[in-house]
Protein backbone atom coordinates (compact mmCIF):
# COMPACT_ATOMS: atom_id res chain seq x y z
CA MET A 1 0.03 -0.33 0.20
CA SER A 2 2.87 2.74 0.75
CA THR A 3 4.55 4.33 -2.08
CA THR A 4 7.60 5.54 0.13
CA ALA A 5 9.29 3.46 3.31
CA ALA A 6 8.55 3.93 6.25
CA PRO A 7 11.16 6.15 8.77
CA ALA A 8 11.67 4.93 12.24
CA PRO A 9 8.57 5.94 14.81
CA GLY A 10 9.47 9.69 15.32
CA THR A 11 12.74 10.20 13.05
CA ALA A 12 11.04 11.94 9.68
CA ALA A 13 12.67 15.05 8.26
CA PRO A 14 9.76 18.01 7.40
CA GLU A 15 11.43 17.06 4.36
CA GLY A 16 9.89 13.56 4.17
CA ARG A 17 6.31 14.82 4.21
CA PHE A 18 5.07 11.94 7.06
CA VAL A 19 5.88 11.07 10.51
CA SER A 20 4.41 7.56 10.28
CA ASN A 21 3.48 5.96 7.00
CA GLN A 22 1.77 2.85 8.57
CA ASP A 23 -1.29 1.78 9.85
CA GLU A 24 -1.31 3.66 13.28
CA SER A 25 -2.30 6.68 15.07
CA CYS A 26 -0.71 9.59 17.45
CA ARG A 27 -2.16 11.21 20.34
CA MET A 28 -3.67 14.43 18.95
CA PHE A 29 -5.20 15.27 22.26
CA ARG A 30 -5.10 15.05 26.52
CA SER A 31 -8.93 15.03 26.92
CA GLU A 32 -9.69 11.24 26.23
CA LEU A 33 -12.85 12.51 25.16
CA LEU A 34 -12.19 14.05 22.55
CA GLU A 35 -9.24 11.86 21.87
CA ARG A 36 -12.05 9.48 20.71
CA LEU A 37 -14.13 11.62 18.65
CA SER A 38 -11.24 11.97 16.42
CA HIS A 39 -10.99 8.47 15.44
CA VAL A 40 -13.97 7.39 13.25
CA HIS A 41 -15.03 4.32 10.85
CA PRO A 42 -15.12 5.03 7.99
CA ALA A 43 -19.12 3.67 7.98
CA VAL A 44 -20.05 6.26 10.13
CA PRO A 45 -20.20 9.42 6.84
CA HIS A 46 -22.82 6.63 4.98
CA LEU A 47 -25.15 5.99 7.97
CA LEU A 48 -25.18 9.33 8.91
CA PHE A 49 -25.91 11.48 5.55
CA ILE A 50 -27.46 8.22 3.02
CA PRO A 51 -30.83 8.93 5.21
CA VAL A 52 -30.64 12.88 4.71
CA VAL A 53 -29.53 12.42 0.54
CA LEU A 54 -33.18 10.78 0.67
CA ALA A 55 -35.06 13.12 3.01
CA MET A 56 -33.60 15.99 1.07
CA LEU A 57 -35.17 14.08 -2.92
CA VAL A 58 -38.06 13.87 -0.81
CA LEU A 59 -38.79 16.90 0.17
CA ALA A 60 -37.61 18.03 -3.09
CA ALA A 61 -40.55 15.90 -4.83
CA ARG A 62 -42.65 17.07 -2.47
CA ALA A 63 -42.00 20.75 -3.02
CA GLY A 64 -43.52 19.83 -6.56
CA GLN A 65 -40.73 19.20 -7.90
CA GLY A 66 -40.76 16.77 -11.46
CA ALA A 67 -37.57 14.19 -11.87
CA LEU A 68 -36.25 16.07 -14.69
CA THR A 69 -35.35 19.49 -12.43
CA ILE A 70 -34.46 16.98 -9.27
CA SER A 71 -31.79 15.29 -11.68
CA PHE A 72 -30.62 18.94 -12.74
CA LEU A 73 -30.52 20.36 -9.18
CA VAL A 74 -28.67 17.51 -8.09
CA VAL A 75 -26.04 17.42 -10.71
CA GLY A 76 -25.53 20.85 -9.55
CA GLY A 77 -25.04 20.16 -5.94
CA LEU A 78 -22.59 17.49 -7.10
CA LEU A 79 -20.54 20.24 -9.28
CA THR A 80 -21.41 22.79 -5.70
CA TRP A 81 -19.79 19.61 -3.88
CA THR A 82 -16.26 19.43 -6.23
CA ALA A 83 -15.68 22.83 -6.29
CA THR A 84 -16.49 23.71 -2.39
CA GLU A 85 -14.13 20.52 -1.81
CA TYR A 86 -11.18 21.72 -3.77
CA ILE A 87 -11.54 25.42 -2.68
CA ILE A 88 -11.97 23.89 1.66
CA HIS A 89 -8.76 21.41 0.83
CA ARG A 90 -6.20 23.92 -0.92
CA PHE A 91 -7.11 27.22 1.15
CA THR A 92 -8.37 26.10 4.16
CA PHE A 93 -6.50 22.81 5.13
CA HIS A 94 -3.26 23.56 3.30
CA PRO A 95 -0.98 27.01 5.90
CA PRO A 96 2.36 28.02 4.41
CA GLN A 97 5.15 25.43 3.52
CA TRP A 98 6.78 26.69 6.85
CA VAL A 99 3.85 25.85 9.27
CA GLU A 100 3.86 22.02 7.83
CA ASP A 101 7.37 22.01 7.88
CA GLU A 102 7.15 23.24 11.60
CA THR A 103 4.40 21.35 12.55
CA ARG A 104 6.21 18.04 11.06
CA ALA A 105 9.55 18.82 13.19
CA VAL A 106 7.14 19.37 16.34
CA THR A 107 5.12 16.15 16.14
CA ALA A 108 8.26 14.33 14.35
CA SER A 109 10.30 15.16 17.80
CA LEU A 110 7.37 13.53 20.76
CA ALA A 111 7.74 10.54 22.14
CA PRO A 112 4.71 7.75 21.89
CA GLY A 113 1.80 9.12 23.56
CA GLU A 114 2.41 12.20 23.80
CA PRO A 115 -0.46 14.25 22.21
CA VAL A 116 0.55 16.13 19.81
CA ILE A 117 -1.77 19.00 19.89
CA PRO A 118 -0.75 21.06 23.40
CA ALA A 119 2.96 20.73 21.77
CA LEU A 120 2.58 22.81 18.50
CA PRO A 121 4.13 26.67 18.89
CA GLY A 122 0.96 28.37 17.65
CA LEU A 123 -2.32 28.63 16.81
CA ARG A 124 -1.78 27.49 13.16
CA HIS A 125 0.53 24.72 13.78
CA LYS A 126 -2.76 23.81 16.06
CA PHE A 127 -5.68 24.45 13.86
CA TYR A 128 -3.58 22.73 10.62
CA PHE A 129 -3.02 19.69 13.16
CA LEU A 130 -6.21 19.39 13.32
CA VAL A 131 -7.92 20.18 10.67
CA HIS A 132 -5.36 18.23 8.25
CA GLY A 133 -1.82 18.09 9.25
CA VAL A 134 -2.26 14.49 11.38
CA HIS A 135 -3.89 13.38 7.62
CA HIS A 136 -0.52 14.30 6.02
CA ASP A 137 1.79 12.83 9.05
CA TYR A 138 0.38 9.91 9.75
CA PRO A 139 -1.60 9.51 5.99
CA ASN A 140 -2.36 5.76 6.02
CA ASP A 141 -4.14 5.77 9.83
CA SER A 142 -7.25 4.34 8.65
CA SER A 143 -9.11 5.52 11.71
CA ARG A 144 -8.69 9.53 10.65
CA LEU A 145 -9.68 8.46 7.46
CA VAL A 146 -13.09 9.73 7.07
CA MET A 147 -14.22 13.55 9.00
CA PRO A 148 -15.29 13.08 12.40
CA PRO A 149 -19.56 13.90 12.80
CA SER A 150 -18.70 16.84 15.17
CA VAL A 151 -17.25 18.65 12.18
CA SER A 152 -19.49 17.29 8.95
CA ILE A 153 -22.58 17.49 10.93
CA PRO A 154 -22.17 21.18 11.49
CA LEU A 155 -20.85 22.17 8.15
CA SER A 156 -23.57 20.89 6.66
CA ILE A 157 -25.87 22.10 8.76
CA LEU A 158 -23.98 25.25 8.07
CA PHE A 159 -24.40 24.64 4.08
CA PHE A 160 -27.73 23.87 3.86
CA LEU A 161 -29.23 26.90 5.40
CA GLY A 162 -26.91 28.76 3.11
CA PHE A 163 -28.19 26.09 0.34
CA GLN A 164 -31.83 27.09 1.40
CA ALA A 165 -31.19 31.09 1.68
CA VAL A 166 -29.99 31.58 -1.61
CA LEU A 167 -32.35 28.52 -3.46
CA GLY A 168 -35.24 27.97 -1.38
CA VAL A 169 -37.54 25.06 -2.25
CA SER A 170 -33.93 23.62 -5.23
CA ALA A 171 -32.16 23.75 -1.95
CA TYR A 172 -33.32 20.01 -0.63
CA ALA A 173 -32.35 18.58 -4.39
CA VAL A 174 -28.79 20.52 -4.07
CA PHE A 175 -28.36 20.06 -0.97
CA ALA A 176 -28.57 16.46 -2.04
CA GLY A 177 -26.42 15.97 -4.46
CA PHE A 178 -23.85 18.01 -2.10
CA MET A 179 -23.91 15.83 0.17
CA ALA A 180 -23.68 13.07 -2.25
CA GLY A 181 -20.74 13.87 -3.74
CA TYR A 182 -19.00 14.21 -0.17
CA LEU A 183 -19.77 10.51 0.64
CA PHE A 184 -18.22 10.19 -2.34
CA TYR A 185 -15.43 12.21 -1.36
CA ASP A 186 -15.48 10.42 1.82
CA THR A 187 -15.33 6.95 0.30
CA THR A 188 -13.12 7.62 -2.12
CA HIS A 189 -10.14 8.69 -0.38
CA TYR A 190 -10.31 5.48 2.72
CA MET A 191 -10.33 2.82 -1.19
CA THR A 192 -7.13 5.42 -1.43
CA HIS A 193 -5.49 5.25 1.39
CA ASN A 194 -6.52 1.09 2.24
CA VAL A 195 -7.41 -0.34 -1.06
CA ALA A 196 -4.91 -1.46 -3.73
CA GLY A 197 -6.14 -0.10 -7.11
CA LYS A 198 -8.15 -2.91 -9.24
CA THR A 199 -9.52 -1.00 -11.36
CA ALA A 200 -8.06 1.91 -14.27
CA LEU A 201 -9.81 4.45 -12.19
CA GLY A 202 -8.98 4.12 -8.72
CA ARG A 203 -5.41 3.19 -10.19
CA TYR A 204 -5.99 6.64 -10.99
CA GLN A 205 -7.21 8.24 -7.99
CA LYS A 206 -4.21 6.43 -5.90
CA LYS A 207 -1.77 8.02 -8.36
CA ARG A 208 -2.94 11.64 -7.91
CA HIS A 209 -3.81 11.55 -4.53
CA PHE A 210 -0.09 10.15 -3.43
CA ARG A 211 1.54 13.20 -5.60
CA HIS A 212 -0.29 15.14 -3.42
CA HIS A 213 1.23 13.02 -0.63
CA TYR A 214 4.89 12.29 -0.93
CA ALA A 215 5.77 14.46 -4.00
CA ASP A 216 4.13 18.10 -3.87
CA SER A 217 1.33 18.68 -1.35
CA GLU A 218 0.86 22.54 -4.00
CA LYS A 219 -0.83 20.67 -6.28
CA ASP A 220 -3.17 17.18 -6.60
CA TYR A 221 -6.16 18.94 -4.36
CA GLY A 222 -9.10 16.92 -5.68
CA VAL A 223 -9.90 13.92 -4.06
CA SER A 224 -12.88 12.84 -5.50
CA SER A 225 -12.48 14.56 -9.06
CA PRO A 226 -9.52 16.45 -10.58
CA LEU A 227 -11.63 18.84 -12.20
CA TRP A 228 -10.92 21.77 -10.57
CA ASP A 229 -6.97 21.11 -10.40
CA ALA A 230 -7.15 21.00 -14.47
CA ILE A 231 -9.12 24.44 -15.15
CA MET A 232 -6.78 25.48 -11.98
CA GLY A 233 -3.37 24.28 -13.34
CA THR A 234 -2.84 22.80 -10.05
CA MET A 235 -2.59 18.84 -11.84
CA GLY A 236 0.06 17.06 -10.72
CA ARG A 237 3.11 15.43 -13.00
CA SER A 238 2.17 12.73 -14.93
CA GLY A 239 5.39 11.44 -13.86
CA ARG A 240 5.54 12.00 -10.24
């Protein structure tokens, strides 16, 4: 599964682009509750949000929208998700390179079991590690490959309210497509790290995403789709 040999725990330099490439976890928090909440089974997003997607489609139909209109709005929601995924990943999850490097250096220096968040020097480092750095430093930690409900539920509510304020009843179908896109993203991300590419599409997705992890974290921001990387000029080099 790994494309790069794993170093001994706690010895990776920032240039190594990870602390451990094994399926193992670091401790993030002193609090036992917060630590437990940071580990999520990959089935959890589906259990939470497939019913939401179905409910949104039912509400769209009850609002009098026909099948063609609903289909069009769902596709619009899917496209909106791909743009949202790209924007959040590029502009929120990734700080300047020095923040990423300093965070990795501190994380690699800690003793096993020592919580990372309290040890980081500044708010930018803590925020980066909390939302994304833990994944880049422990990319194959299978318990931290999907978004925790403590984050995904509040964000989904905010997005729905935003869609509803702008689109009215059309928000139901758009939100259904948006959340279907999110579920595809979480599934793709989990499988890319944990399931060997058995199809041409799977191998292509793995190649793109591993370029982002192990070659250049400023390229290949799209996990579920390369669409916005192609549009924005952030597609990684195919030879890497």
